[in-house]
Amino acid sequence: MTSKTDRRNFLRGSLAMLAASVPQRNAAQRVSFFPGFKPMRITTSGATINAVVGGSGPPVLMLHGYPQTHVMWHKVAPALAERFTIVAADLRGYGDSSKPPDGPNHSNYSKRAMAKDQVEVMTKLGFEKFAVVGHDKGSGVASRMTLDYPDKITKLAVFDTLPSPLLTYRNLTKEWATGVYHWFFLVQPSPLPETMIANSVEFYLRSRFERSPGAITPEAFAQYLRCFKDPATIHATCEDYRASASIDLEIDEADWNKKITCPVLSLWAERGNRPPAFRNAIDFWKEKAVNARGRALRCGHFIAEEVPEETLAELRSFLTA
């Protein structure tokens, strides 16, 4: 039987070999998607967070999903910056943010830990109160922020997600499990998913976007691939999913009766992976939040890159109301 130590040594060795092929980039490349934005690296109590900041007006934090980076907002953030101060950040473990060690029970990749990072980022930038927009995994971090820091979050916009993975795990169907198979693949013990992904990173990454043909620009994909080729990113993003299947469920269960008190906008994909009974996502957000509204958009999962004009119109309306 392979020991835990043997598995860790195997992982370190295989990841070290892959790391040698990871290209680096300079600050000019980092901001090319966000003209006029300033690149920043902000040290929090648990990580170093990579972000770009631009615009003027009320502050808005924008958080990406899996397997992307802050670049996913490049079709929306520059226009929003005409009215708002936009902070587009990489979650810990993703993009060019640092990759902390796993922690007990995957705690360093819990949504609580990730939320704390981003609140500290905004505080260091001088924003004590702010709106937050999250897609996919970023929505989970954003909604956790509203529960752990209710006095700081003025508005919450969530893209193609439900209030908690508890709802998914409690209501699985064959159709849904097939659509979100990666939830169960990525939680397998290290180094199984890490090794399999590392063997064909580009193939795996392209498979995540295959239902959104043409939405991901070649330039954006190149940035996602550059970051995802880093073996530390592959491992950290697996840890994010492992946390979602363990410590995050415990935290969400303990807080299940807590209500989100700020206004909520829920946008979800009409062509998403959810089974029919769960496709009207606003019903679930109305149960979780005091004030929630939303609608489906005619697109797949990667909303901000598939229908940026509609996304921008919805966010402008919500954030200025």
C-alpha atoms as a PDB file:
ATOM      1  CA  MET A   1       0.000   0.000   0.000  1.00  0.00           C
ATOM      2  CA  THR A   2       1.335   3.449  -0.890  1.00  0.00           C
ATOM      3  CA  SER A   3       1.854   5.652   2.161  1.00  0.00           C
ATOM      4  CA  LYS A   4       0.756   9.260   2.420  1.00  0.00           C
ATOM      5  CA  THR A   5       4.431  10.255   2.538  1.00  0.00           C
ATOM      6  CA  ASP A   6       5.124   8.339  -0.681  1.00  0.00           C
ATOM      7  CA  ARG A   7       2.205  10.070  -2.404  1.00  0.00           C
ATOM      8  CA  ARG A   8       3.470  13.465  -1.292  1.00  0.00           C
ATOM      9  CA  ASN A   9       7.004  12.729  -2.510  1.00  0.00           C
ATOM     10  CA  PHE A  10       5.625  11.547  -5.846  1.00  0.00           C
ATOM     11  CA  LEU A  11       3.557  14.719  -6.159  1.00  0.00           C
ATOM     12  CA  ARG A  12       6.508  16.978  -5.322  1.00  0.00           C
ATOM     13  CA  GLY A  13       8.666  15.245  -7.911  1.00  0.00           C
ATOM     14  CA  SER A  14       6.130  15.310 -10.731  1.00  0.00           C
ATOM     15  CA  LEU A  15       5.117  18.896 -10.007  1.00  0.00           C
ATOM     16  CA  ALA A  16       8.732  20.043  -9.875  1.00  0.00           C
ATOM     17  CA  MET A  17       9.356  18.655 -13.358  1.00  0.00           C
ATOM     18  CA  LEU A  18       6.310  20.405 -14.763  1.00  0.00           C
ATOM     19  CA  ALA A  19       7.198  23.686 -13.039  1.00  0.00           C
ATOM     20  CA  ALA A  20      10.305  24.049 -15.156  1.00  0.00           C
ATOM     21  CA  SER A  21       8.115  24.581 -18.241  1.00  0.00           C
ATOM     22  CA  VAL A  22       5.921  27.347 -16.772  1.00  0.00           C
ATOM     23  CA  PRO A  23       6.499  30.657 -18.597  1.00  0.00           C
ATOM     24  CA  GLN A  24       6.657  33.932 -16.698  1.00  0.00           C
ATOM     25  CA  ARG A  25       5.163  37.269 -17.656  1.00  0.00           C
ATOM     26  CA  ASN A  26       5.844  40.910 -16.971  1.00  0.00           C
ATOM     27  CA  ALA A  27       3.612  43.682 -15.674  1.00  0.00           C
ATOM     28  CA  ALA A  28       2.862  44.990 -19.172  1.00  0.00           C
ATOM     29  CA  GLN A  29       1.376  41.624 -20.165  1.00  0.00           C
ATOM     30  CA  ARG A  30      -0.626  41.499 -16.953  1.00  0.00           C
ATOM     31  CA  VAL A  31      -2.540  44.722 -17.641  1.00  0.00           C
ATOM     32  CA  SER A  32      -2.970  44.376 -21.413  1.00  0.00           C
ATOM     33  CA  PHE A  33      -6.551  43.189 -20.889  1.00  0.00           C
ATOM     34  CA  PHE A  34      -7.342  46.168 -18.652  1.00  0.00           C
ATOM     35  CA  PRO A  35      -6.090  49.413 -20.224  1.00  0.00           C
ATOM     36  CA  GLY A  36      -5.465  52.100 -17.638  1.00  0.00           C
ATOM     37  CA  PHE A  37      -5.625  49.646 -14.727  1.00  0.00           C
ATOM     38  CA  LYS A  38      -2.762  49.346 -12.247  1.00  0.00           C
ATOM     39  CA  PRO A  39      -1.319  45.899 -11.438  1.00  0.00           C
ATOM     40  CA  MET A  40      -0.940  45.174  -7.734  1.00  0.00           C
ATOM     41  CA  ARG A  41       0.288  42.412  -5.436  1.00  0.00           C
ATOM     42  CA  ILE A  42      -1.222  42.723  -1.970  1.00  0.00           C
ATOM     43  CA  THR A  43      -0.084  40.644   0.979  1.00  0.00           C
ATOM     44  CA  THR A  44      -2.852  39.470   3.286  1.00  0.00           C
ATOM     45  CA  SER A  45      -2.592  37.522   6.524  1.00  0.00           C
ATOM     46  CA  GLY A  46      -2.729  34.255   4.567  1.00  0.00           C
ATOM     47  CA  ALA A  47      -1.624  34.858   0.976  1.00  0.00           C
ATOM     48  CA  THR A  48      -0.342  37.293  -1.615  1.00  0.00           C
ATOM     49  CA  ILE A  49      -3.122  38.344  -3.959  1.00  0.00           C
ATOM     50  CA  ASN A  50      -2.608  39.430  -7.553  1.00  0.00           C
ATOM     51  CA  ALA A  51      -5.031  42.066  -8.806  1.00  0.00           C
ATOM     52  CA  VAL A  52      -5.604  44.951 -11.183  1.00  0.00           C
ATOM     53  CA  VAL A  53      -7.271  48.171 -10.054  1.00  0.00           C
ATOM     54  CA  GLY A  54      -8.800  50.867 -12.233  1.00  0.00           C
ATOM     55  CA  GLY A  55     -11.532  53.439 -12.640  1.00  0.00           C
ATOM     56  CA  SER A  56     -13.178  55.775 -10.177  1.00  0.00           C
ATOM     57  CA  GLY A  57     -16.342  55.801  -8.143  1.00  0.00           C
ATOM     58  CA  PRO A  58     -17.852  53.284  -5.698  1.00  0.00           C
ATOM     59  CA  PRO A  59     -15.617  50.219  -5.220  1.00  0.00           C
ATOM     60  CA  VAL A  60     -16.516  46.868  -6.805  1.00  0.00           C
ATOM     61  CA  LEU A  61     -14.527  43.671  -6.236  1.00  0.00           C
ATOM     62  CA  MET A  62     -14.728  41.112  -9.064  1.00  0.00           C
ATOM     63  CA  LEU A  63     -13.881  37.444  -8.442  1.00  0.00           C
ATOM     64  CA  HIS A  64     -13.435  34.768 -11.113  1.00  0.00           C
ATOM     65  CA  GLY A  65     -14.316  31.084 -11.235  1.00  0.00           C
ATOM     66  CA  TYR A  66     -12.616  27.799 -12.157  1.00  0.00           C
ATOM     67  CA  PRO A  67     -10.356  27.361 -14.097  1.00  0.00           C
ATOM     68  CA  GLN A  68      -9.871  31.045 -14.851  1.00  0.00           C
ATOM     69  CA  THR A  69      -8.234  34.163 -13.429  1.00  0.00           C
ATOM     70  CA  HIS A  70      -9.210  37.815 -13.091  1.00  0.00           C
ATOM     71  CA  VAL A  71      -8.751  38.018 -16.892  1.00  0.00           C
ATOM     72  CA  MET A  72     -12.280  36.583 -17.281  1.00  0.00           C
ATOM     73  CA  TRP A  73     -13.612  40.104 -16.616  1.00  0.00           C
ATOM     74  CA  HIS A  74     -11.679  41.733 -19.480  1.00  0.00           C
ATOM     75  CA  LYS A  75     -14.772  42.239 -21.648  1.00  0.00           C
ATOM     76  CA  VAL A  76     -16.725  43.895 -18.817  1.00  0.00           C
ATOM     77  CA  ALA A  77     -14.433  45.565 -16.273  1.00  0.00           C
ATOM     78  CA  PRO A  78     -13.017  48.398 -18.428  1.00  0.00           C
ATOM     79  CA  ALA A  79     -16.521  49.670 -19.212  1.00  0.00           C
ATOM     80  CA  LEU A  80     -17.602  49.341 -15.571  1.00  0.00           C
ATOM     81  CA  ALA A  81     -14.530  51.367 -14.588  1.00  0.00           C
ATOM     82  CA  GLU A  82     -16.155  54.419 -16.208  1.00  0.00           C
ATOM     83  CA  ARG A  83     -18.486  54.557 -13.190  1.00  0.00           C
ATOM     84  CA  PHE A  84     -16.833  52.420 -10.507  1.00  0.00           C
ATOM     85  CA  THR A  85     -13.455  51.646  -9.009  1.00  0.00           C
ATOM     86  CA  ILE A  86     -12.894  48.079 -10.147  1.00  0.00           C
ATOM     87  CA  VAL A  87     -10.674  45.599  -8.328  1.00  0.00           C
ATOM     88  CA  ALA A  88     -10.315  42.366 -10.323  1.00  0.00           C
ATOM     89  CA  ALA A  89      -8.383  39.836  -8.254  1.00  0.00           C
ATOM     90  CA  ASP A  90      -7.050  36.310  -8.531  1.00  0.00           C
ATOM     91  CA  LEU A  91      -8.278  34.041  -5.753  1.00  0.00           C
ATOM     92  CA  ARG A  92      -5.585  32.395  -3.652  1.00  0.00           C
ATOM     93  CA  GLY A  93      -4.343  29.326  -5.483  1.00  0.00           C
ATOM     94  CA  TYR A  94      -5.319  30.738  -8.878  1.00  0.00           C
ATOM     95  CA  GLY A  95      -3.622  32.890 -11.479  1.00  0.00           C
ATOM     96  CA  ASP A  96      -0.658  34.812 -10.123  1.00  0.00           C
ATOM     97  CA  SER A  97      -1.814  34.811  -6.507  1.00  0.00           C
ATOM     98  CA  SER A  98       0.199  32.708  -4.073  1.00  0.00           C
ATOM     99  CA  LYS A  99      -0.545  29.067  -3.330  1.00  0.00           C
ATOM    100  CA  PRO A 100      -0.558  28.503   0.457  1.00  0.00           C
ATOM    101  CA  PRO A 101      -0.170  24.983   1.887  1.00  0.00           C
ATOM    102  CA  ASP A 102      -3.347  22.901   2.150  1.00  0.00           C
ATOM    103  CA  GLY A 103      -3.968  23.217   5.888  1.00  0.00           C
ATOM    104  CA  PRO A 104      -5.911  20.689   8.006  1.00  0.00           C
ATOM    105  CA  ASN A 105      -9.083  19.471   6.287  1.00  0.00           C
ATOM    106  CA  HIS A 106      -8.190  21.684   3.293  1.00  0.00           C
ATOM    107  CA  SER A 107      -8.892  24.732   5.471  1.00  0.00           C
ATOM    108  CA  ASN A 108      -6.517  27.053   3.627  1.00  0.00           C
ATOM    109  CA  TYR A 109      -8.742  26.710   0.566  1.00  0.00           C
ATOM    110  CA  SER A 110     -12.045  27.103   2.349  1.00  0.00           C
ATOM    111  CA  LYS A 111     -14.284  29.890   1.063  1.00  0.00           C
ATOM    112  CA  ARG A 112     -13.869  31.475   4.495  1.00  0.00           C
ATOM    113  CA  ALA A 113     -10.089  31.710   4.052  1.00  0.00           C
ATOM    114  CA  MET A 114     -10.470  32.985   0.484  1.00  0.00           C
ATOM    115  CA  ALA A 115     -13.056  35.544   1.568  1.00  0.00           C
ATOM    116  CA  LYS A 116     -10.750  36.835   4.300  1.00  0.00           C
ATOM    117  CA  ASP A 117      -8.019  37.412   1.704  1.00  0.00           C
ATOM    118  CA  GLN A 118     -10.242  39.550  -0.446  1.00  0.00           C
ATOM    119  CA  VAL A 119     -11.671  41.597   2.431  1.00  0.00           C
ATOM    120  CA  GLU A 120      -8.112  42.339   3.539  1.00  0.00           C
ATOM    121  CA  VAL A 121      -7.208  43.336  -0.031  1.00  0.00           C
ATOM    122  CA  MET A 122     -10.049  45.831  -0.146  1.00  0.00           C
ATOM    123  CA  THR A 123      -9.217  47.174   3.308  1.00  0.00           C
ATOM    124  CA  LYS A 124      -5.583  47.720   2.305  1.00  0.00           C
ATOM    125  CA  LEU A 125      -6.813  49.599  -0.757  1.00  0.00           C
ATOM    126  CA  GLY A 126      -8.820  51.862   1.552  1.00  0.00           C
ATOM    127  CA  PHE A 127     -12.282  50.394   0.925  1.00  0.00           C
ATOM    128  CA  GLU A 128     -14.137  49.557   4.125  1.00  0.00           C
ATOM    129  CA  LYS A 129     -17.397  48.918   2.252  1.00  0.00           C
ATOM    130  CA  PHE A 130     -17.762  47.613  -1.292  1.00  0.00           C
ATOM    131  CA  ALA A 131     -19.881  45.622  -3.730  1.00  0.00           C
ATOM    132  CA  VAL A 132     -18.702  42.195  -4.873  1.00  0.00           C
ATOM    133  CA  VAL A 133     -19.331  40.307  -8.110  1.00  0.00           C
ATOM    134  CA  GLY A 134     -18.474  36.619  -8.332  1.00  0.00           C
ATOM    135  CA  HIS A 135     -18.652  33.934 -10.981  1.00  0.00           C
ATOM    136  CA  ASP A 136     -18.709  30.202 -10.203  1.00  0.00           C
ATOM    137  CA  LYS A 137     -16.127  29.610  -7.427  1.00  0.00           C
ATOM    138  CA  GLY A 138     -15.820  33.360  -7.007  1.00  0.00           C
ATOM    139  CA  SER A 139     -19.541  33.452  -6.216  1.00  0.00           C
ATOM    140  CA  GLY A 140     -18.967  31.033  -3.359  1.00  0.00           C
ATOM    141  CA  VAL A 141     -16.237  33.267  -1.966  1.00  0.00           C
ATOM    142  CA  ALA A 142     -18.369  36.365  -2.478  1.00  0.00           C
ATOM    143  CA  SER A 143     -21.437  34.929  -0.755  1.00  0.00           C
ATOM    144  CA  ARG A 144     -19.288  33.757   2.168  1.00  0.00           C
ATOM    145  CA  MET A 145     -18.063  37.353   2.487  1.00  0.00           C
ATOM    146  CA  THR A 146     -21.632  38.571   2.915  1.00  0.00           C
ATOM    147  CA  LEU A 147     -22.120  36.185   5.850  1.00  0.00           C
ATOM    148  CA  ASP A 148     -18.741  36.646   7.541  1.00  0.00           C
ATOM    149  CA  TYR A 149     -18.470  40.410   6.885  1.00  0.00           C
ATOM    150  CA  PRO A 150     -22.046  41.688   6.488  1.00  0.00           C
ATOM    151  CA  ASP A 151     -21.111  45.251   7.425  1.00  0.00           C
ATOM    152  CA  LYS A 152     -18.600  45.468   4.570  1.00  0.00           C
ATOM    153  CA  ILE A 153     -20.568  44.165   1.587  1.00  0.00           C
ATOM    154  CA  THR A 154     -23.032  46.624   0.040  1.00  0.00           C
ATOM    155  CA  LYS A 155     -24.234  44.445  -2.867  1.00  0.00           C
ATOM    156  CA  LEU A 156     -23.665  40.913  -4.134  1.00  0.00           C
ATOM    157  CA  ALA A 157     -23.889  39.751  -7.760  1.00  0.00           C
ATOM    158  CA  VAL A 158     -23.507  36.008  -8.387  1.00  0.00           C
ATOM    159  CA  PHE A 159     -23.113  34.270 -11.752  1.00  0.00           C
ATOM    160  CA  ASP A 160     -24.338  30.754 -12.519  1.00  0.00           C
ATOM    161  CA  THR A 161     -24.235  29.339  -9.034  1.00  0.00           C
ATOM    162  CA  LEU A 162     -26.458  28.294  -6.139  1.00  0.00           C
ATOM    163  CA  PRO A 163     -26.066  29.556  -2.558  1.00  0.00           C
ATOM    164  CA  SER A 164     -24.103  26.492  -1.421  1.00  0.00           C
ATOM    165  CA  PRO A 165     -22.686  23.192  -2.734  1.00  0.00           C
ATOM    166  CA  LEU A 166     -24.902  21.643  -0.043  1.00  0.00           C
ATOM    167  CA  LEU A 167     -27.781  22.046  -2.494  1.00  0.00           C
ATOM    168  CA  THR A 168     -25.867  20.154  -5.155  1.00  0.00           C
ATOM    169  CA  TYR A 169     -24.745  17.271  -2.982  1.00  0.00           C
ATOM    170  CA  ARG A 170     -28.217  16.872  -1.438  1.00  0.00           C
ATOM    171  CA  ASN A 171     -30.044  16.860  -4.753  1.00  0.00           C
ATOM    172  CA  LEU A 172     -27.784  15.030  -7.180  1.00  0.00           C
ATOM    173  CA  THR A 173     -29.216  13.421 -10.269  1.00  0.00           C
ATOM    174  CA  LYS A 174     -27.469  11.391 -12.951  1.00  0.00           C
ATOM    175  CA  GLU A 175     -27.853  14.324 -15.351  1.00  0.00           C
ATOM    176  CA  TRP A 176     -26.378  16.829 -12.937  1.00  0.00           C
ATOM    177  CA  ALA A 177     -23.533  14.575 -11.796  1.00  0.00           C
ATOM    178  CA  THR A 178     -22.590  13.993 -15.424  1.00  0.00           C
ATOM    179  CA  GLY A 179     -22.535  17.739 -16.131  1.00  0.00           C
ATOM    180  CA  VAL A 180     -20.390  18.546 -13.103  1.00  0.00           C
ATOM    181  CA  TYR A 181     -18.236  15.409 -13.131  1.00  0.00           C
ATOM    182  CA  HIS A 182     -15.151  17.486 -12.324  1.00  0.00           C
ATOM    183  CA  TRP A 183     -16.557  18.170  -8.844  1.00  0.00           C
ATOM    184  CA  PHE A 184     -15.974  14.495  -8.078  1.00  0.00           C
ATOM    185  CA  PHE A 185     -12.772  14.091 -10.074  1.00  0.00           C
ATOM    186  CA  LEU A 186     -10.934  17.037  -8.486  1.00  0.00           C
ATOM    187  CA  VAL A 187     -11.727  15.986  -4.907  1.00  0.00           C
ATOM    188  CA  GLN A 188      -9.923  12.663  -5.276  1.00  0.00           C
ATOM    189  CA  PRO A 189      -6.834  12.343  -3.042  1.00  0.00           C
ATOM    190  CA  SER A 190      -3.648  13.952  -4.272  1.00  0.00           C
ATOM    191  CA  PRO A 191      -1.812  13.311  -6.549  1.00  0.00           C
ATOM    192  CA  LEU A 192      -4.373  11.486  -8.727  1.00  0.00           C
ATOM    193  CA  PRO A 193      -6.199  14.418 -10.393  1.00  0.00           C
ATOM    194  CA  GLU A 194      -3.070  16.586 -10.341  1.00  0.00           C
ATOM    195  CA  THR A 195      -1.083  13.965 -12.227  1.00  0.00           C
ATOM    196  CA  MET A 196      -3.789  13.262 -14.786  1.00  0.00           C
ATOM    197  CA  ILE A 197      -4.353  16.953 -15.521  1.00  0.00           C
ATOM    198  CA  ALA A 198      -0.615  17.671 -15.705  1.00  0.00           C
ATOM    199  CA  ASN A 199      -0.217  14.975 -18.369  1.00  0.00           C
ATOM    200  CA  SER A 200      -2.277  17.059 -20.823  1.00  0.00           C
ATOM    201  CA  VAL A 201      -2.938  20.498 -19.379  1.00  0.00           C
ATOM    202  CA  GLU A 202      -4.035  22.203 -22.585  1.00  0.00           C
ATOM    203  CA  PHE A 203      -6.409  19.384 -23.558  1.00  0.00           C
ATOM    204  CA  TYR A 204      -7.989  19.439 -20.099  1.00  0.00           C
ATOM    205  CA  LEU A 205      -8.328  23.220 -20.046  1.00  0.00           C
ATOM    206  CA  ARG A 206      -9.915  23.327 -23.495  1.00  0.00           C
ATOM    207  CA  SER A 207     -12.420  20.699 -22.374  1.00  0.00           C
ATOM    208  CA  ARG A 208     -13.675  23.082 -19.697  1.00  0.00           C
ATOM    209  CA  PHE A 209     -14.628  25.645 -22.352  1.00  0.00           C
ATOM    210  CA  GLU A 210     -15.971  23.348 -25.073  1.00  0.00           C
ATOM    211  CA  ARG A 211     -19.607  24.302 -24.396  1.00  0.00           C
ATOM    212  CA  SER A 212     -18.784  27.984 -24.983  1.00  0.00           C
ATOM    213  CA  PRO A 213     -17.335  28.014 -28.528  1.00  0.00           C
ATOM    214  CA  GLY A 214     -15.848  31.347 -29.523  1.00  0.00           C
ATOM    215  CA  ALA A 215     -16.456  33.015 -26.162  1.00  0.00           C
ATOM    216  CA  ILE A 216     -12.942  32.636 -24.807  1.00  0.00           C
ATOM    217  CA  THR A 217     -10.570  34.745 -26.873  1.00  0.00           C
ATOM    218  CA  PRO A 218      -7.239  33.187 -27.882  1.00  0.00           C
ATOM    219  CA  GLU A 219      -5.474  35.818 -25.785  1.00  0.00           C
ATOM    220  CA  ALA A 220      -7.542  35.045 -22.688  1.00  0.00           C
ATOM    221  CA  PHE A 221      -7.090  31.302 -23.159  1.00  0.00           C
ATOM    222  CA  ALA A 222      -3.334  31.796 -23.437  1.00  0.00           C
ATOM    223  CA  GLN A 223      -3.356  33.518 -20.045  1.00  0.00           C
ATOM    224  CA  TYR A 224      -5.520  30.821 -18.450  1.00  0.00           C
ATOM    225  CA  LEU A 225      -3.188  28.181 -19.873  1.00  0.00           C
ATOM    226  CA  ARG A 226      -0.051  29.996 -18.733  1.00  0.00           C
ATOM    227  CA  CYS A 227      -1.330  30.065 -15.166  1.00  0.00           C
ATOM    228  CA  PHE A 228      -2.824  26.583 -15.216  1.00  0.00           C
ATOM    229  CA  LYS A 229       0.417  25.042 -16.434  1.00  0.00           C
ATOM    230  CA  ASP A 230       1.876  25.876 -13.038  1.00  0.00           C
ATOM    231  CA  PRO A 231       1.680  22.594 -11.077  1.00  0.00           C
ATOM    232  CA  ALA A 232       1.112  24.578  -7.893  1.00  0.00           C
ATOM    233  CA  THR A 233      -2.046  26.006  -9.498  1.00  0.00           C
ATOM    234  CA  ILE A 234      -3.280  22.557 -10.495  1.00  0.00           C
ATOM    235  CA  HIS A 235      -2.850  21.345  -6.931  1.00  0.00           C
ATOM    236  CA  ALA A 236      -4.313  24.473  -5.309  1.00  0.00           C
ATOM    237  CA  THR A 237      -7.406  24.415  -7.506  1.00  0.00           C
ATOM    238  CA  CYS A 238      -7.953  20.766  -6.609  1.00  0.00           C
ATOM    239  CA  GLU A 239      -7.690  21.837  -2.974  1.00  0.00           C
ATOM    240  CA  ASP A 240     -10.402  24.422  -3.636  1.00  0.00           C
ATOM    241  CA  TYR A 241     -12.742  21.622  -4.724  1.00  0.00           C
ATOM    242  CA  ARG A 242     -11.659  19.370  -1.855  1.00  0.00           C
ATOM    243  CA  ALA A 243     -12.530  22.181   0.542  1.00  0.00           C
ATOM    244  CA  SER A 244     -15.934  22.569  -1.138  1.00  0.00           C
ATOM    245  CA  ALA A 245     -16.646  18.899  -0.431  1.00  0.00           C
ATOM    246  CA  SER A 246     -15.502  19.012   3.196  1.00  0.00           C
ATOM    247  CA  ILE A 247     -14.868  22.053   5.373  1.00  0.00           C
ATOM    248  CA  ASP A 248     -17.065  24.366   3.288  1.00  0.00           C
ATOM    249  CA  LEU A 249     -20.039  22.052   3.777  1.00  0.00           C
ATOM    250  CA  GLU A 250     -19.510  22.134   7.544  1.00  0.00           C
ATOM    251  CA  ILE A 251     -19.303  25.940   7.573  1.00  0.00           C
ATOM    252  CA  ASP A 252     -22.358  26.338   5.324  1.00  0.00           C
ATOM    253  CA  GLU A 253     -24.366  23.888   7.418  1.00  0.00           C
ATOM    254  CA  ALA A 254     -23.572  25.828  10.596  1.00  0.00           C
ATOM    255  CA  ASP A 255     -24.654  29.103   8.933  1.00  0.00           C
ATOM    256  CA  TRP A 256     -27.577  27.759   6.934  1.00  0.00           C
ATOM    257  CA  ASN A 257     -30.172  29.878   8.726  1.00  0.00           C
ATOM    258  CA  LYS A 258     -28.165  33.092   8.346  1.00  0.00           C
ATOM    259  CA  LYS A 259     -29.615  35.461   5.761  1.00  0.00           C
ATOM    260  CA  ILE A 260     -27.686  37.586   3.303  1.00  0.00           C
ATOM    261  CA  THR A 261     -28.807  41.092   4.165  1.00  0.00           C
ATOM    262  CA  CYS A 262     -27.437  43.087   1.207  1.00  0.00           C
ATOM    263  CA  PRO A 263     -29.213  43.191  -2.180  1.00  0.00           C
ATOM    264  CA  VAL A 264     -28.430  40.183  -4.420  1.00  0.00           C
ATOM    265  CA  LEU A 265     -28.415  39.849  -8.215  1.00  0.00           C
ATOM    266  CA  SER A 266     -28.353  36.290  -9.537  1.00  0.00           C
ATOM    267  CA  LEU A 267     -27.610  35.701 -13.220  1.00  0.00           C
ATOM    268  CA  TRP A 268     -27.495  32.161 -14.523  1.00  0.00           C
ATOM    269  CA  ALA A 269     -26.912  30.384 -17.815  1.00  0.00           C
ATOM    270  CA  GLU A 270     -29.915  29.173 -19.763  1.00  0.00           C
ATOM    271  CA  ARG A 271     -27.654  26.551 -21.337  1.00  0.00           C
ATOM    272  CA  GLY A 272     -25.928  25.622 -18.083  1.00  0.00           C
ATOM    273  CA  ASN A 273     -25.457  22.149 -16.607  1.00  0.00           C
ATOM    274  CA  ARG A 274     -28.216  22.254 -14.030  1.00  0.00           C
ATOM    275  CA  PRO A 275     -31.197  19.855 -14.146  1.00  0.00           C
ATOM    276  CA  PRO A 276     -34.618  21.384 -14.899  1.00  0.00           C
ATOM    277  CA  ALA A 277     -35.712  21.617 -11.255  1.00  0.00           C
ATOM    278  CA  PHE A 278     -32.673  23.795 -10.445  1.00  0.00           C
ATOM    279  CA  ARG A 279     -32.520  26.017 -13.505  1.00  0.00           C
ATOM    280  CA  ASN A 280     -34.452  28.884 -11.932  1.00  0.00           C
ATOM    281  CA  ALA A 281     -31.589  29.797  -9.605  1.00  0.00           C
ATOM    282  CA  ILE A 282     -33.286  32.908  -8.208  1.00  0.00           C
ATOM    283  CA  ASP A 283     -35.702  30.730  -6.215  1.00  0.00           C
ATOM    284  CA  PHE A 284     -32.799  29.485  -4.111  1.00  0.00           C
ATOM    285  CA  TRP A 285     -31.237  32.914  -3.674  1.00  0.00           C
ATOM    286  CA  LYS A 286     -34.595  34.313  -2.541  1.00  0.00           C
ATOM    287  CA  GLU A 287     -34.599  31.724   0.237  1.00  0.00           C
ATOM    288  CA  LYS A 288     -31.073  32.676   1.272  1.00  0.00           C
ATOM    289  CA  ALA A 289     -31.230  36.462   0.892  1.00  0.00           C
ATOM    290  CA  VAL A 290     -33.534  39.152   2.212  1.00  0.00           C
ATOM    291  CA  ASN A 291     -33.591  40.929  -1.152  1.00  0.00           C
ATOM    292  CA  ALA A 292     -32.757  39.023  -4.335  1.00  0.00           C
ATOM    293  CA  ARG A 293     -33.583  39.357  -8.014  1.00  0.00           C
ATOM    294  CA  GLY A 294     -32.227  37.837 -11.191  1.00  0.00           C
ATOM    295  CA  ARG A 295     -32.807  36.098 -14.498  1.00  0.00           C
ATOM    296  CA  ALA A 296     -31.396  33.601 -16.948  1.00  0.00           C
ATOM    297  CA  LEU A 297     -29.201  34.751 -19.807  1.00  0.00           C
ATOM    298  CA  ARG A 298     -29.140  32.989 -23.182  1.00  0.00           C
ATOM    299  CA  CYS A 299     -25.650  31.579 -22.920  1.00  0.00           C
ATOM    300  CA  GLY A 300     -23.535  28.860 -21.362  1.00  0.00           C
ATOM    301  CA  HIS A 301     -21.636  28.855 -18.095  1.00  0.00           C
ATOM    302  CA  PHE A 302     -19.017  31.518 -18.912  1.00  0.00           C
ATOM    303  CA  ILE A 303     -21.492  34.385 -18.840  1.00  0.00           C
ATOM    304  CA  ALA A 304     -19.195  37.432 -18.783  1.00  0.00           C
ATOM    305  CA  GLU A 305     -17.242  36.173 -21.798  1.00  0.00           C
ATOM    306  CA  GLU A 306     -20.203  34.816 -23.767  1.00  0.00           C
ATOM    307  CA  VAL A 307     -22.644  37.726 -23.409  1.00  0.00           C
ATOM    308  CA  PRO A 308     -20.577  40.684 -22.166  1.00  0.00           C
ATOM    309  CA  GLU A 309     -23.003  43.398 -23.282  1.00  0.00           C
ATOM    310  CA  GLU A 310     -25.925  41.832 -21.421  1.00  0.00           C
ATOM    311  CA  THR A 311     -23.694  41.196 -18.426  1.00  0.00           C
ATOM    312  CA  LEU A 312     -22.563  44.813 -18.424  1.00  0.00           C
ATOM    313  CA  ALA A 313     -26.129  46.125 -18.675  1.00  0.00           C
ATOM    314  CA  GLU A 314     -27.280  43.948 -15.769  1.00  0.00           C
ATOM    315  CA  LEU A 315     -24.356  44.959 -13.570  1.00  0.00           C
ATOM    316  CA  ARG A 316     -24.696  48.659 -14.334  1.00  0.00           C
ATOM    317  CA  SER A 317     -28.400  48.556 -13.476  1.00  0.00           C
ATOM    318  CA  PHE A 318     -27.845  46.618 -10.260  1.00  0.00           C
ATOM    319  CA  LEU A 319     -24.802  48.494  -9.008  1.00  0.00           C
ATOM    320  CA  THR A 320     -26.281  51.950  -9.627  1.00  0.00           C
ATOM    321  CA  ALA A 321     -29.747  51.212  -8.189  1.00  0.00           C
END
